[in-house]
Amino acid sequence: LLPTLEVKARSNDMKLLTTGMVAIAVLLTTNPTTAIGQPMPHQGGRMNGGMMGMMKSGTQTDRAFIERMIPHHDGAIKMADIILKRSKRPELRQLALAIKQDQSREISQMKAWYQKWYQTSVPSTPTAGGMGMMGGGGMGKMGGGGMGKMMAAQVQQLETATDSDRVFLEEMIPHHKMALMMTAHVVDSARPELRTLAKNIMQTQTAEIEKMRQLSKTLDR
């Protein structure tokens, strides 16, 4: 019975990994423009040039993922806060609230796991190697505080925007895509907690990307 259950568990893990990679492949092969028709920030040669390099395996990958996903989530939360203050569109405010709540909860989970697994707090600047999956410019410089700087630039752009609703969607769609690409590296983690988190991020943010694409079509109405 136990061998049978183990085989089934492995089968489910492979299905999740396959589903995640297929979703990412679809995102990467679509025209790199937002639903509004503008070039996506952080895409093109800067983001896709060395995209498919691999992170180091095992616990180093898990550690690198957490160190970089937390500031990535934090950037999304800050952008959501701006929309919650400024937007007059109920559907956009509802989306921003969901992003803030989900990603705040996930940050708390990742911080707790990091403390438990590595007996220290998450550093403000990533120390773990292994996130060189985005070689070249842009995301290839996620280490050494690069992720935090990138998120700060996105937040500043939204803060100074005259049409914050439009800029939010233009920024958040590729922001979510970036999260999916990062998450693909831990969908087969040896830690069940991270596998569950990866599944939730894949499902939630894929659905939110589609929601944002639909919302972007209503901006000029």
C-alpha atoms as a PDB file:
ATOM      1  CA  LEU A   1       0.000   0.000   0.000  1.00  0.00           C
ATOM      2  CA  LEU A   2       2.764   2.465   0.954  1.00  0.00           C
ATOM      3  CA  PRO A   3       4.688   2.030  -2.324  1.00  0.00           C
ATOM      4  CA  THR A   4       1.418   2.613  -4.191  1.00  0.00           C
ATOM      5  CA  LEU A   5       0.745   5.836  -2.269  1.00  0.00           C
ATOM      6  CA  GLU A   6       4.289   7.011  -2.904  1.00  0.00           C
ATOM      7  CA  VAL A   7       3.897   6.418  -6.631  1.00  0.00           C
ATOM      8  CA  LYS A   8       0.624   8.351  -6.636  1.00  0.00           C
ATOM      9  CA  ALA A   9       2.236  11.241  -4.743  1.00  0.00           C
ATOM     10  CA  ARG A  10       5.108  11.373  -7.221  1.00  0.00           C
ATOM     11  CA  SER A  11       2.611  11.285 -10.069  1.00  0.00           C
ATOM     12  CA  ASN A  12       0.728  14.259  -8.618  1.00  0.00           C
ATOM     13  CA  ASP A  13       3.998  16.182  -8.182  1.00  0.00           C
ATOM     14  CA  MET A  14       4.896  15.581 -11.821  1.00  0.00           C
ATOM     15  CA  LYS A  15       1.435  16.732 -12.936  1.00  0.00           C
ATOM     16  CA  LEU A  16       1.887  19.971 -10.978  1.00  0.00           C
ATOM     17  CA  LEU A  17       5.360  20.508 -12.416  1.00  0.00           C
ATOM     18  CA  THR A  18       4.117  19.852 -15.941  1.00  0.00           C
ATOM     19  CA  THR A  19       1.116  22.138 -15.498  1.00  0.00           C
ATOM     20  CA  GLY A  20       3.299  24.923 -14.167  1.00  0.00           C
ATOM     21  CA  MET A  21       5.842  24.666 -16.969  1.00  0.00           C
ATOM     22  CA  VAL A  22       3.107  24.564 -19.614  1.00  0.00           C
ATOM     23  CA  ALA A  23       1.515  27.698 -18.148  1.00  0.00           C
ATOM     24  CA  ILE A  24       4.861  29.481 -18.190  1.00  0.00           C
ATOM     25  CA  ALA A  25       5.601  28.327 -21.732  1.00  0.00           C
ATOM     26  CA  VAL A  26       2.288  29.820 -22.851  1.00  0.00           C
ATOM     27  CA  LEU A  27       3.117  33.100 -21.139  1.00  0.00           C
ATOM     28  CA  LEU A  28       6.563  33.242 -22.694  1.00  0.00           C
ATOM     29  CA  THR A  29       5.418  32.446 -26.217  1.00  0.00           C
ATOM     30  CA  THR A  30       2.653  35.022 -26.326  1.00  0.00           C
ATOM     31  CA  ASN A  31       3.294  38.443 -27.817  1.00  0.00           C
ATOM     32  CA  PRO A  32       5.217  40.358 -25.117  1.00  0.00           C
ATOM     33  CA  THR A  33       2.671  43.128 -24.749  1.00  0.00           C
ATOM     34  CA  THR A  34       0.120  43.861 -22.109  1.00  0.00           C
ATOM     35  CA  ALA A  35      -3.584  43.612 -22.844  1.00  0.00           C
ATOM     36  CA  ILE A  36      -3.470  47.374 -23.312  1.00  0.00           C
ATOM     37  CA  GLY A  37      -1.016  46.905 -26.159  1.00  0.00           C
ATOM     38  CA  GLN A  38       2.047  48.492 -24.533  1.00  0.00           C
ATOM     39  CA  PRO A  39       5.440  46.762 -24.312  1.00  0.00           C
ATOM     40  CA  MET A  40       5.771  44.881 -21.058  1.00  0.00           C
ATOM     41  CA  PRO A  41       8.256  46.227 -18.537  1.00  0.00           C
ATOM     42  CA  HIS A  42      11.115  43.790 -17.827  1.00  0.00           C
ATOM     43  CA  GLN A  43      10.357  41.676 -20.905  1.00  0.00           C
ATOM     44  CA  GLY A  44      12.061  41.337 -24.267  1.00  0.00           C
ATOM     45  CA  GLY A  45      15.810  40.700 -24.336  1.00  0.00           C
ATOM     46  CA  ARG A  46      16.417  41.909 -20.791  1.00  0.00           C
ATOM     47  CA  MET A  47      14.071  39.406 -19.189  1.00  0.00           C
ATOM     48  CA  ASN A  48      13.891  36.522 -21.614  1.00  0.00           C
ATOM     49  CA  GLY A  49      17.471  36.400 -22.856  1.00  0.00           C
ATOM     50  CA  GLY A  50      18.776  33.956 -20.272  1.00  0.00           C
ATOM     51  CA  MET A  51      15.448  32.980 -18.748  1.00  0.00           C
ATOM     52  CA  MET A  52      15.777  29.272 -18.935  1.00  0.00           C
ATOM     53  CA  GLY A  53      19.060  28.877 -17.053  1.00  0.00           C
ATOM     54  CA  MET A  54      18.554  26.721 -14.002  1.00  0.00           C
ATOM     55  CA  MET A  55      18.879  27.392 -10.286  1.00  0.00           C
ATOM     56  CA  LYS A  56      20.980  25.156  -8.111  1.00  0.00           C
ATOM     57  CA  SER A  57      19.094  22.172  -6.773  1.00  0.00           C
ATOM     58  CA  GLY A  58      17.832  21.224  -3.342  1.00  0.00           C
ATOM     59  CA  THR A  59      17.838  23.361  -0.217  1.00  0.00           C
ATOM     60  CA  GLN A  60      19.875  26.108  -1.902  1.00  0.00           C
ATOM     61  CA  THR A  61      17.063  26.591  -4.411  1.00  0.00           C
ATOM     62  CA  ASP A  62      14.452  26.760  -1.644  1.00  0.00           C
ATOM     63  CA  ARG A  63      16.500  29.305   0.273  1.00  0.00           C
ATOM     64  CA  ALA A  64      17.188  31.446  -2.787  1.00  0.00           C
ATOM     65  CA  PHE A  65      13.510  31.350  -3.737  1.00  0.00           C
ATOM     66  CA  ILE A  66      12.350  32.624  -0.340  1.00  0.00           C
ATOM     67  CA  GLU A  67      15.018  35.336  -0.185  1.00  0.00           C
ATOM     68  CA  ARG A  68      13.864  36.718  -3.529  1.00  0.00           C
ATOM     69  CA  MET A  69      10.134  36.023  -3.440  1.00  0.00           C
ATOM     70  CA  ILE A  70       9.631  37.981  -0.223  1.00  0.00           C
ATOM     71  CA  PRO A  71      10.814  41.338  -1.683  1.00  0.00           C
ATOM     72  CA  HIS A  72       8.940  40.458  -4.877  1.00  0.00           C
ATOM     73  CA  HIS A  73       5.732  39.969  -2.879  1.00  0.00           C
ATOM     74  CA  ASP A  74       6.482  43.119  -0.876  1.00  0.00           C
ATOM     75  CA  GLY A  75       6.623  45.122  -4.089  1.00  0.00           C
ATOM     76  CA  ALA A  76       3.211  43.796  -5.123  1.00  0.00           C
ATOM     77  CA  ILE A  77       1.739  44.710  -1.742  1.00  0.00           C
ATOM     78  CA  LYS A  78       3.065  48.271  -1.953  1.00  0.00           C
ATOM     79  CA  MET A  79       1.601  48.678  -5.442  1.00  0.00           C
ATOM     80  CA  ALA A  80      -1.714  47.254  -4.230  1.00  0.00           C
ATOM     81  CA  ASP A  81      -1.748  49.782  -1.364  1.00  0.00           C
ATOM     82  CA  ILE A  82      -1.411  52.638  -3.854  1.00  0.00           C
ATOM     83  CA  ILE A  83      -4.387  51.387  -5.844  1.00  0.00           C
ATOM     84  CA  LEU A  84      -6.462  50.902  -2.699  1.00  0.00           C
ATOM     85  CA  LYS A  85      -5.889  54.591  -1.916  1.00  0.00           C
ATOM     86  CA  ARG A  86      -6.348  56.001  -5.419  1.00  0.00           C
ATOM     87  CA  SER A  87      -8.548  53.856  -7.612  1.00  0.00           C
ATOM     88  CA  LYS A  88     -12.238  54.573  -8.036  1.00  0.00           C
ATOM     89  CA  ARG A  89     -12.854  51.229  -9.791  1.00  0.00           C
ATOM     90  CA  PRO A  90     -14.383  48.703  -7.350  1.00  0.00           C
ATOM     91  CA  GLU A  91     -13.181  45.688  -9.348  1.00  0.00           C
ATOM     92  CA  LEU A  92      -9.601  46.966  -9.349  1.00  0.00           C
ATOM     93  CA  ARG A  93      -9.729  47.742  -5.643  1.00  0.00           C
ATOM     94  CA  GLN A  94     -11.063  44.235  -4.997  1.00  0.00           C
ATOM     95  CA  LEU A  95      -8.175  42.730  -6.963  1.00  0.00           C
ATOM     96  CA  ALA A  96      -5.618  44.887  -5.133  1.00  0.00           C
ATOM     97  CA  LEU A  97      -7.060  43.827  -1.776  1.00  0.00           C
ATOM     98  CA  ALA A  98      -6.857  40.147  -2.728  1.00  0.00           C
ATOM     99  CA  ILE A  99      -3.231  40.572  -3.829  1.00  0.00           C
ATOM    100  CA  LYS A 100      -2.360  42.316  -0.572  1.00  0.00           C
ATOM    101  CA  GLN A 101      -4.055  39.725   1.617  1.00  0.00           C
ATOM    102  CA  ASP A 102      -2.741  36.655  -0.211  1.00  0.00           C
ATOM    103  CA  GLN A 103       0.821  37.844  -0.532  1.00  0.00           C
ATOM    104  CA  SER A 104       1.006  39.207   3.028  1.00  0.00           C
ATOM    105  CA  ARG A 105      -0.014  35.776   4.265  1.00  0.00           C
ATOM    106  CA  GLU A 106       2.559  34.087   2.030  1.00  0.00           C
ATOM    107  CA  ILE A 107       5.326  36.398   3.261  1.00  0.00           C
ATOM    108  CA  SER A 108       4.509  35.426   6.854  1.00  0.00           C
ATOM    109  CA  GLN A 109       4.626  31.738   5.913  1.00  0.00           C
ATOM    110  CA  MET A 110       7.953  32.062   4.104  1.00  0.00           C
ATOM    111  CA  LYS A 111       9.543  33.995   6.959  1.00  0.00           C
ATOM    112  CA  ALA A 112       8.452  31.348   9.462  1.00  0.00           C
ATOM    113  CA  TRP A 113       9.750  28.506   7.281  1.00  0.00           C
ATOM    114  CA  TYR A 114      13.053  30.283   6.715  1.00  0.00           C
ATOM    115  CA  GLN A 115      13.566  30.725  10.452  1.00  0.00           C
ATOM    116  CA  LYS A 116      12.712  27.077  11.073  1.00  0.00           C
ATOM    117  CA  TRP A 117      14.813  25.625   8.257  1.00  0.00           C
ATOM    118  CA  TYR A 118      17.880  27.883   8.419  1.00  0.00           C
ATOM    119  CA  GLN A 119      17.795  29.067  12.082  1.00  0.00           C
ATOM    120  CA  THR A 120      18.019  32.729  11.093  1.00  0.00           C
ATOM    121  CA  SER A 121      15.836  35.550   9.815  1.00  0.00           C
ATOM    122  CA  VAL A 122      15.448  36.298   6.113  1.00  0.00           C
ATOM    123  CA  PRO A 123      18.268  38.709   5.162  1.00  0.00           C
ATOM    124  CA  SER A 124      17.405  42.091   3.689  1.00  0.00           C
ATOM    125  CA  THR A 125      19.805  41.342   0.831  1.00  0.00           C
ATOM    126  CA  PRO A 126      19.707  37.830  -0.724  1.00  0.00           C
ATOM    127  CA  THR A 127      22.713  35.732   0.240  1.00  0.00           C
ATOM    128  CA  ALA A 128      21.840  32.322  -1.213  1.00  0.00           C
ATOM    129  CA  GLY A 129      23.067  31.593  -4.719  1.00  0.00           C
ATOM    130  CA  GLY A 130      21.058  29.661  -7.243  1.00  0.00           C
ATOM    131  CA  MET A 131      18.654  32.235  -8.635  1.00  0.00           C
ATOM    132  CA  GLY A 132      20.725  32.842 -11.751  1.00  0.00           C
ATOM    133  CA  MET A 133      17.811  31.597 -13.837  1.00  0.00           C
ATOM    134  CA  MET A 134      17.351  34.969 -15.465  1.00  0.00           C
ATOM    135  CA  GLY A 135      20.887  35.376 -16.803  1.00  0.00           C
ATOM    136  CA  GLY A 136      21.906  38.606 -18.458  1.00  0.00           C
ATOM    137  CA  GLY A 137      20.335  41.909 -17.446  1.00  0.00           C
ATOM    138  CA  GLY A 138      17.156  42.597 -15.529  1.00  0.00           C
ATOM    139  CA  MET A 139      16.276  39.585 -13.429  1.00  0.00           C
ATOM    140  CA  GLY A 140      19.772  38.205 -13.833  1.00  0.00           C
ATOM    141  CA  LYS A 141      20.796  40.783 -11.224  1.00  0.00           C
ATOM    142  CA  MET A 142      18.328  39.673  -8.577  1.00  0.00           C
ATOM    143  CA  GLY A 143      21.140  38.940  -6.134  1.00  0.00           C
ATOM    144  CA  GLY A 144      22.829  41.622  -4.077  1.00  0.00           C
ATOM    145  CA  GLY A 145      19.630  43.591  -3.557  1.00  0.00           C
ATOM    146  CA  GLY A 146      18.688  43.682  -7.250  1.00  0.00           C
ATOM    147  CA  MET A 147      15.189  42.372  -6.602  1.00  0.00           C
ATOM    148  CA  GLY A 148      14.492  45.031  -3.991  1.00  0.00           C
ATOM    149  CA  LYS A 149      15.748  47.787  -6.281  1.00  0.00           C
ATOM    150  CA  MET A 150      13.590  46.524  -9.136  1.00  0.00           C
ATOM    151  CA  MET A 151      10.484  46.459  -6.937  1.00  0.00           C
ATOM    152  CA  ALA A 152      11.243  49.957  -5.606  1.00  0.00           C
ATOM    153  CA  ALA A 153      11.453  51.269  -9.174  1.00  0.00           C
ATOM    154  CA  GLN A 154       8.053  49.773 -10.007  1.00  0.00           C
ATOM    155  CA  VAL A 155       6.485  51.274  -6.882  1.00  0.00           C
ATOM    156  CA  GLN A 156       7.976  54.703  -7.642  1.00  0.00           C
ATOM    157  CA  GLN A 157       6.670  54.582 -11.199  1.00  0.00           C
ATOM    158  CA  LEU A 158       3.169  53.852  -9.919  1.00  0.00           C
ATOM    159  CA  GLU A 159       3.363  56.530  -7.225  1.00  0.00           C
ATOM    160  CA  THR A 160       4.156  59.215  -9.800  1.00  0.00           C
ATOM    161  CA  ALA A 161       1.710  58.001 -12.473  1.00  0.00           C
ATOM    162  CA  THR A 162      -1.128  60.262 -13.579  1.00  0.00           C
ATOM    163  CA  ASP A 163      -3.188  57.222 -14.622  1.00  0.00           C
ATOM    164  CA  SER A 164      -2.421  54.888 -11.734  1.00  0.00           C
ATOM    165  CA  ASP A 165      -5.018  52.276 -12.737  1.00  0.00           C
ATOM    166  CA  ARG A 166      -3.440  51.799 -16.145  1.00  0.00           C
ATOM    167  CA  VAL A 167       0.139  51.769 -14.847  1.00  0.00           C
ATOM    168  CA  PHE A 168      -0.828  49.302 -12.097  1.00  0.00           C
ATOM    169  CA  LEU A 169      -2.061  46.802 -14.692  1.00  0.00           C
ATOM    170  CA  GLU A 170       0.914  47.428 -16.975  1.00  0.00           C
ATOM    171  CA  GLU A 171       3.267  46.732 -14.069  1.00  0.00           C
ATOM    172  CA  MET A 172       1.398  43.972 -12.250  1.00  0.00           C
ATOM    173  CA  ILE A 173       0.844  41.654 -15.223  1.00  0.00           C
ATOM    174  CA  PRO A 174       4.577  41.147 -15.889  1.00  0.00           C
ATOM    175  CA  HIS A 175       5.159  41.211 -12.121  1.00  0.00           C
ATOM    176  CA  HIS A 176       2.876  38.179 -11.786  1.00  0.00           C
ATOM    177  CA  LYS A 177       4.532  36.488 -14.754  1.00  0.00           C
ATOM    178  CA  MET A 178       7.878  36.928 -13.067  1.00  0.00           C
ATOM    179  CA  ALA A 179       6.474  35.249  -9.947  1.00  0.00           C
ATOM    180  CA  LEU A 180       5.308  32.266 -12.020  1.00  0.00           C
ATOM    181  CA  MET A 181       8.757  31.857 -13.539  1.00  0.00           C
ATOM    182  CA  MET A 182      10.421  31.989 -10.132  1.00  0.00           C
ATOM    183  CA  THR A 183       7.886  29.589  -8.642  1.00  0.00           C
ATOM    184  CA  ALA A 184       8.504  26.988 -11.353  1.00  0.00           C
ATOM    185  CA  HIS A 185      11.814  26.211  -9.666  1.00  0.00           C
ATOM    186  CA  VAL A 186      10.228  25.009  -6.416  1.00  0.00           C
ATOM    187  CA  VAL A 187       7.134  23.138  -7.631  1.00  0.00           C
ATOM    188  CA  ASP A 188       9.136  19.919  -7.140  1.00  0.00           C
ATOM    189  CA  SER A 189      10.823  20.985  -3.881  1.00  0.00           C
ATOM    190  CA  ALA A 190      11.512  18.228  -1.368  1.00  0.00           C
ATOM    191  CA  ARG A 191       9.582  20.342   1.159  1.00  0.00           C
ATOM    192  CA  PRO A 192       5.796  19.814   0.963  1.00  0.00           C
ATOM    193  CA  GLU A 193       5.167  23.308   2.335  1.00  0.00           C
ATOM    194  CA  LEU A 194       6.931  24.890  -0.623  1.00  0.00           C
ATOM    195  CA  ARG A 195       5.209  22.586  -3.099  1.00  0.00           C
ATOM    196  CA  THR A 196       1.832  23.663  -1.708  1.00  0.00           C
ATOM    197  CA  LEU A 197       2.845  27.330  -1.810  1.00  0.00           C
ATOM    198  CA  ALA A 198       4.027  26.916  -5.403  1.00  0.00           C
ATOM    199  CA  LYS A 199       0.709  25.351  -6.396  1.00  0.00           C
ATOM    200  CA  ASN A 200      -1.230  28.197  -4.767  1.00  0.00           C
ATOM    201  CA  ILE A 201       0.906  30.892  -6.427  1.00  0.00           C
ATOM    202  CA  MET A 202       0.587  29.221  -9.834  1.00  0.00           C
ATOM    203  CA  GLN A 203      -3.199  28.939  -9.581  1.00  0.00           C
ATOM    204  CA  THR A 204      -3.905  32.314  -7.974  1.00  0.00           C
ATOM    205  CA  GLN A 205      -1.584  34.483 -10.030  1.00  0.00           C
ATOM    206  CA  THR A 206      -2.435  32.795 -13.338  1.00  0.00           C
ATOM    207  CA  ALA A 207      -6.100  33.595 -12.652  1.00  0.00           C
ATOM    208  CA  GLU A 208      -5.214  37.152 -11.630  1.00  0.00           C
ATOM    209  CA  ILE A 209      -3.241  37.702 -14.838  1.00  0.00           C
ATOM    210  CA  GLU A 210      -6.340  36.812 -16.842  1.00  0.00           C
ATOM    211  CA  LYS A 211      -8.462  39.058 -14.603  1.00  0.00           C
ATOM    212  CA  MET A 212      -6.081  41.975 -15.163  1.00  0.00           C
ATOM    213  CA  ARG A 213      -6.115  41.411 -18.912  1.00  0.00           C
ATOM    214  CA  GLN A 214      -9.891  41.659 -18.849  1.00  0.00           C
ATOM    215  CA  LEU A 215      -9.832  44.759 -16.638  1.00  0.00           C
ATOM    216  CA  SER A 216      -7.360  46.473 -18.942  1.00  0.00           C
ATOM    217  CA  LYS A 217      -9.900  46.258 -21.748  1.00  0.00           C
ATOM    218  CA  THR A 218     -12.347  48.369 -19.732  1.00  0.00           C
ATOM    219  CA  LEU A 219     -10.022  51.291 -18.988  1.00  0.00           C
ATOM    220  CA  ASP A 220     -11.056  53.409 -21.965  1.00  0.00           C
ATOM    221  CA  ARG A 221     -14.766  52.772 -21.634  1.00  0.00           C
END
